[in-house]
Amino acid sequence: MKEEKCFAQGICFHKLFWIFLLGSIFGAYYEQILNIFIHYHYHHELVWQLRRGVIYGPISPIYGAGAVLFTVLLLRKPKSNFKTFLEGALIGGTFEYGISFLQETFLGTVSWDYRDAFLNINGRTTIPYMIVWGLLALLFAKVVYPALSSVIESFPKKFALIFTNICLVLLILDFTVSWGAIFRQMFRVRGYEPVTFVGKFFDKYYGDDVLKKYYSNMKLIEVRK
């Protein structure tokens, strides 16, 4: 294999990692800014509420993962605008539905519930949101990705490789702690005492009050009605 002439040529692991990371950061701030307007509309007060998928850092993995899916599934072959929109809508809706199902099944929590929304699909996604996903996919494929790809490839190669590996390790640690704390909370609220030092660690440092601060829109459930 020939050595890359620049950092993260084409659709490769390093480029997908940075698309995931930047998409996750964008998504976290997008959610928080959007929540300011929604909260002000209903309560007439400005509130900065954290909306993220991990405890440490402004990271919302669902947006990063969505950007990666769009990159891998939509951009390997040229597509018409309509086909990009249609496939983006299906990918986004399926992804949102799947994440909701997995979160509820394995963590006993929900972060969104659209059962009262227009044209919802089991409360996990909606047809209007799928249309938004399609429009986002079109914007991403035609505008965002080309510009973002160019910027990523312009990173100094040696420095970028080292920095990417550092960020990857930190992100894995963040995911491990954050989702481990949520998993432990699921057992804690059901009355299960910790049986290892790991459970005791999460109970001591990542109790319900801590998790509520970072996952303000996440709700614990028993069984979906």
Protein backbone atom coordinates (compact mmCIF):
# COMPACT_ATOMS: atom_id res chain seq x y z
CA MET A 1 0.00 0.00 0.00
CA LYS A 2 1.25 3.47 -0.83
CA GLU A 3 1.80 5.86 2.02
CA GLU A 4 -0.78 8.62 2.29
CA LYS A 5 0.48 11.87 0.78
CA CYS A 6 -1.57 13.86 3.27
CA PHE A 7 -3.45 13.21 6.47
CA ALA A 8 -6.69 11.20 6.17
CA GLN A 9 -6.97 10.86 2.41
CA GLY A 10 -10.32 9.69 1.11
CA ILE A 11 -12.84 7.96 3.36
CA CYS A 12 -10.57 6.34 5.93
CA PHE A 13 -10.58 5.69 9.68
CA HIS A 14 -8.84 8.94 10.61
CA LYS A 15 -11.20 11.06 8.55
CA LEU A 16 -14.25 9.24 9.91
CA PHE A 17 -12.96 9.77 13.45
CA TRP A 18 -12.70 13.53 12.95
CA ILE A 19 -16.08 13.67 11.25
CA PHE A 20 -17.52 11.82 14.24
CA LEU A 21 -15.78 14.09 16.76
CA LEU A 22 -16.64 17.37 15.05
CA GLY A 23 -20.20 16.22 14.35
CA SER A 24 -20.61 15.24 18.01
CA ILE A 25 -19.38 18.64 19.22
CA PHE A 26 -21.62 20.47 16.75
CA GLY A 27 -24.59 18.36 17.85
CA ALA A 28 -24.07 19.08 21.53
CA TYR A 29 -23.99 22.85 21.03
CA TYR A 30 -26.86 22.70 18.55
CA GLU A 31 -29.02 20.89 21.12
CA GLN A 32 -28.09 23.31 23.89
CA ILE A 33 -28.72 26.43 21.80
CA LEU A 34 -31.99 25.03 20.47
CA ASN A 35 -33.07 24.23 24.03
CA ILE A 36 -32.51 27.88 25.02
CA PHE A 37 -35.11 29.03 22.49
CA ILE A 38 -37.56 26.24 23.32
CA HIS A 39 -37.28 26.88 27.07
CA TYR A 40 -37.69 30.63 26.57
CA HIS A 41 -40.76 30.10 24.40
CA TYR A 42 -42.54 28.07 27.09
CA HIS A 43 -41.13 29.58 30.30
CA HIS A 44 -39.95 33.07 29.27
CA GLU A 45 -36.53 32.66 30.81
CA LEU A 46 -33.07 31.98 29.42
CA VAL A 47 -31.55 28.73 30.68
CA TRP A 48 -28.31 27.10 29.53
CA GLN A 49 -28.94 23.39 30.00
CA LEU A 50 -26.33 20.77 29.15
CA ARG A 51 -27.36 18.41 26.37
CA ARG A 52 -24.75 15.77 25.70
CA GLY A 53 -24.17 12.04 25.50
CA VAL A 54 -21.13 11.86 27.75
CA ILE A 55 -20.15 13.36 31.08
CA TYR A 56 -16.90 15.01 30.06
CA GLY A 57 -16.92 17.42 27.17
CA PRO A 58 -19.55 18.79 24.75
CA ILE A 59 -20.07 15.52 22.89
CA SER A 60 -23.36 14.25 21.48
CA PRO A 61 -22.42 10.94 19.81
CA ILE A 62 -25.71 10.50 17.98
CA TYR A 63 -24.88 13.46 15.73
CA GLY A 64 -21.32 12.26 15.17
CA ALA A 65 -22.50 8.75 14.37
CA GLY A 66 -25.12 10.17 12.01
CA ALA A 67 -22.43 12.15 10.16
CA VAL A 68 -20.31 8.99 9.86
CA LEU A 69 -23.26 7.00 8.52
CA PHE A 70 -23.98 9.68 5.94
CA THR A 71 -20.33 9.66 4.89
CA VAL A 72 -20.04 5.89 4.57
CA LEU A 73 -23.45 5.15 3.07
CA LEU A 74 -24.07 8.19 0.90
CA LEU A 75 -20.73 9.42 -0.39
CA ARG A 76 -18.95 6.36 -1.76
CA LYS A 77 -20.82 6.70 -5.07
CA PRO A 78 -22.25 9.80 -6.77
CA LYS A 79 -25.99 10.18 -6.26
CA SER A 80 -28.68 12.56 -7.44
CA ASN A 81 -30.00 15.15 -5.00
CA PHE A 82 -33.32 13.32 -4.69
CA LYS A 83 -31.69 9.96 -4.02
CA THR A 84 -29.37 11.56 -1.45
CA PHE A 85 -32.36 13.14 0.27
CA LEU A 86 -34.41 9.92 0.22
CA GLU A 87 -31.60 7.69 1.48
CA GLY A 88 -30.62 10.26 4.10
CA ALA A 89 -34.19 10.34 5.42
CA LEU A 90 -34.30 6.54 5.68
CA ILE A 91 -30.84 6.31 7.25
CA GLY A 92 -31.56 9.07 9.76
CA GLY A 93 -34.97 7.74 10.74
CA THR A 94 -33.74 4.16 11.08
CA PHE A 95 -30.75 5.29 13.09
CA GLU A 96 -32.85 7.44 15.45
CA TYR A 97 -35.34 4.59 15.93
CA GLY A 98 -32.55 2.08 16.56
CA ILE A 99 -30.73 4.25 19.10
CA SER A 100 -33.97 4.87 20.99
CA PHE A 101 -34.71 1.13 21.07
CA LEU A 102 -31.17 0.18 22.20
CA GLN A 103 -31.06 2.91 24.87
CA GLU A 104 -34.36 1.81 26.32
CA THR A 105 -33.56 -1.91 26.12
CA PHE A 106 -30.03 -1.91 27.51
CA LEU A 107 -29.89 1.22 29.69
CA GLY A 108 -33.49 1.51 30.82
CA THR A 109 -33.67 5.18 29.83
CA VAL A 110 -35.15 7.37 27.11
CA SER A 111 -33.84 10.72 25.89
CA TRP A 112 -36.73 11.48 23.55
CA ASP A 113 -40.31 10.31 23.23
CA TYR A 114 -42.39 11.36 20.22
CA ARG A 115 -45.56 9.44 21.00
CA ASP A 116 -47.57 12.67 21.04
CA ALA A 117 -45.93 14.01 17.87
CA PHE A 118 -47.49 14.09 14.39
CA LEU A 119 -46.84 10.98 12.26
CA ASN A 120 -44.62 9.35 14.87
CA ILE A 121 -43.31 5.80 14.53
CA ASN A 122 -43.68 4.05 17.90
CA GLY A 123 -42.63 7.29 19.57
CA ARG A 124 -39.03 6.77 18.48
CA THR A 125 -38.94 8.94 15.36
CA THR A 126 -41.39 10.80 13.14
CA ILE A 127 -41.94 11.28 9.43
CA PRO A 128 -41.30 15.07 9.70
CA TYR A 129 -38.01 14.40 11.50
CA MET A 130 -37.07 11.93 8.78
CA ILE A 131 -37.62 14.70 6.25
CA VAL A 132 -35.27 16.88 8.30
CA TRP A 133 -32.73 14.05 8.30
CA GLY A 134 -33.01 13.93 4.52
CA LEU A 135 -32.42 17.66 4.18
CA LEU A 136 -29.46 17.45 6.55
CA ALA A 137 -28.04 14.58 4.51
CA LEU A 138 -28.33 16.65 1.34
CA LEU A 139 -26.66 19.64 3.00
CA PHE A 140 -23.94 17.41 4.44
CA ALA A 141 -23.20 15.63 1.16
CA LYS A 142 -23.17 18.70 -1.06
CA VAL A 143 -21.75 21.41 1.20
CA VAL A 144 -20.45 20.32 4.59
CA TYR A 145 -18.48 17.19 3.73
CA PRO A 146 -16.44 18.63 0.83
CA ALA A 147 -15.36 21.61 2.96
CA LEU A 148 -14.78 19.51 6.09
CA SER A 149 -12.82 16.88 4.18
CA SER A 150 -10.53 19.52 2.74
CA VAL A 151 -9.87 21.02 6.17
CA ILE A 152 -9.14 17.62 7.76
CA GLU A 153 -6.75 16.64 4.97
CA SER A 154 -4.87 19.91 5.47
CA PHE A 155 -3.85 18.95 9.05
CA PRO A 156 -0.07 18.45 9.45
CA LYS A 157 0.22 14.68 9.09
CA LYS A 158 2.61 13.73 11.93
CA PHE A 159 0.99 16.03 14.47
CA ALA A 160 -2.52 15.01 13.38
CA LEU A 161 -1.76 11.30 13.79
CA ILE A 162 -0.48 11.79 17.34
CA PHE A 163 -3.32 14.14 18.30
CA THR A 164 -5.92 11.78 16.80
CA ASN A 165 -4.62 8.86 18.87
CA ILE A 166 -4.70 10.97 22.05
CA CYS A 167 -8.26 12.11 21.33
CA LEU A 168 -9.31 8.54 20.56
CA VAL A 169 -8.02 7.25 23.90
CA LEU A 170 -9.67 10.11 25.82
CA LEU A 171 -12.95 9.56 23.99
CA ILE A 172 -12.95 5.83 24.77
CA LEU A 173 -12.33 6.59 28.46
CA ASP A 174 -15.10 9.18 28.42
CA PHE A 175 -17.55 6.74 26.84
CA THR A 176 -16.58 4.00 29.28
CA VAL A 177 -17.12 6.17 32.36
CA SER A 178 -20.24 7.92 31.06
CA TRP A 179 -22.13 4.89 29.84
CA GLY A 180 -20.89 2.76 32.70
CA ALA A 181 -22.42 5.30 35.09
CA ILE A 182 -25.76 5.14 33.27
CA PHE A 183 -25.70 1.35 33.24
CA ARG A 184 -25.03 1.30 36.99
CA GLN A 185 -27.86 3.80 37.56
CA MET A 186 -30.28 1.41 35.89
CA PHE A 187 -29.47 -1.25 38.48
CA ARG A 188 -29.28 1.23 41.37
CA VAL A 189 -32.82 2.54 40.90
CA ARG A 190 -34.07 -1.05 40.82
CA GLY A 191 -32.57 -1.66 44.24
CA TYR A 192 -29.48 -3.67 43.29
CA GLU A 193 -26.52 -3.02 45.57
CA PRO A 194 -23.04 -2.88 43.99
CA VAL A 195 -21.17 -6.17 44.14
CA THR A 196 -17.79 -4.91 42.88
CA PHE A 197 -15.60 -1.89 43.47
CA VAL A 198 -16.67 -0.61 40.04
CA GLY A 199 -20.29 -0.33 41.11
CA LYS A 200 -19.28 1.33 44.37
CA PHE A 201 -17.13 3.79 42.43
CA PHE A 202 -20.01 4.80 40.19
CA ASP A 203 -22.41 5.11 43.13
CA LYS A 204 -19.97 7.35 45.00
CA TYR A 205 -18.83 9.67 42.21
CA TYR A 206 -21.58 9.43 39.59
CA GLY A 207 -24.84 9.38 41.50
CA ASP A 208 -28.24 10.44 40.22
CA ASP A 209 -27.64 14.15 40.91
CA VAL A 210 -24.45 14.13 38.85
CA LEU A 211 -26.06 12.31 35.94
CA LYS A 212 -29.08 14.63 36.01
CA LYS A 213 -26.77 17.59 35.46
CA TYR A 214 -25.25 16.16 32.29
CA TYR A 215 -28.22 14.17 30.98
CA SER A 216 -30.97 16.66 31.72
CA ASN A 217 -33.37 15.25 29.12
CA MET A 218 -32.78 11.59 29.97
CA LYS A 219 -35.51 9.78 31.89
CA LEU A 220 -35.44 6.44 33.64
CA ILE A 221 -38.21 4.04 32.73
CA GLU A 222 -39.54 0.70 33.78
CA VAL A 223 -41.47 -0.57 30.79
CA ARG A 224 -42.70 1.33 27.75
CA LYS A 225 -46.48 1.44 27.83
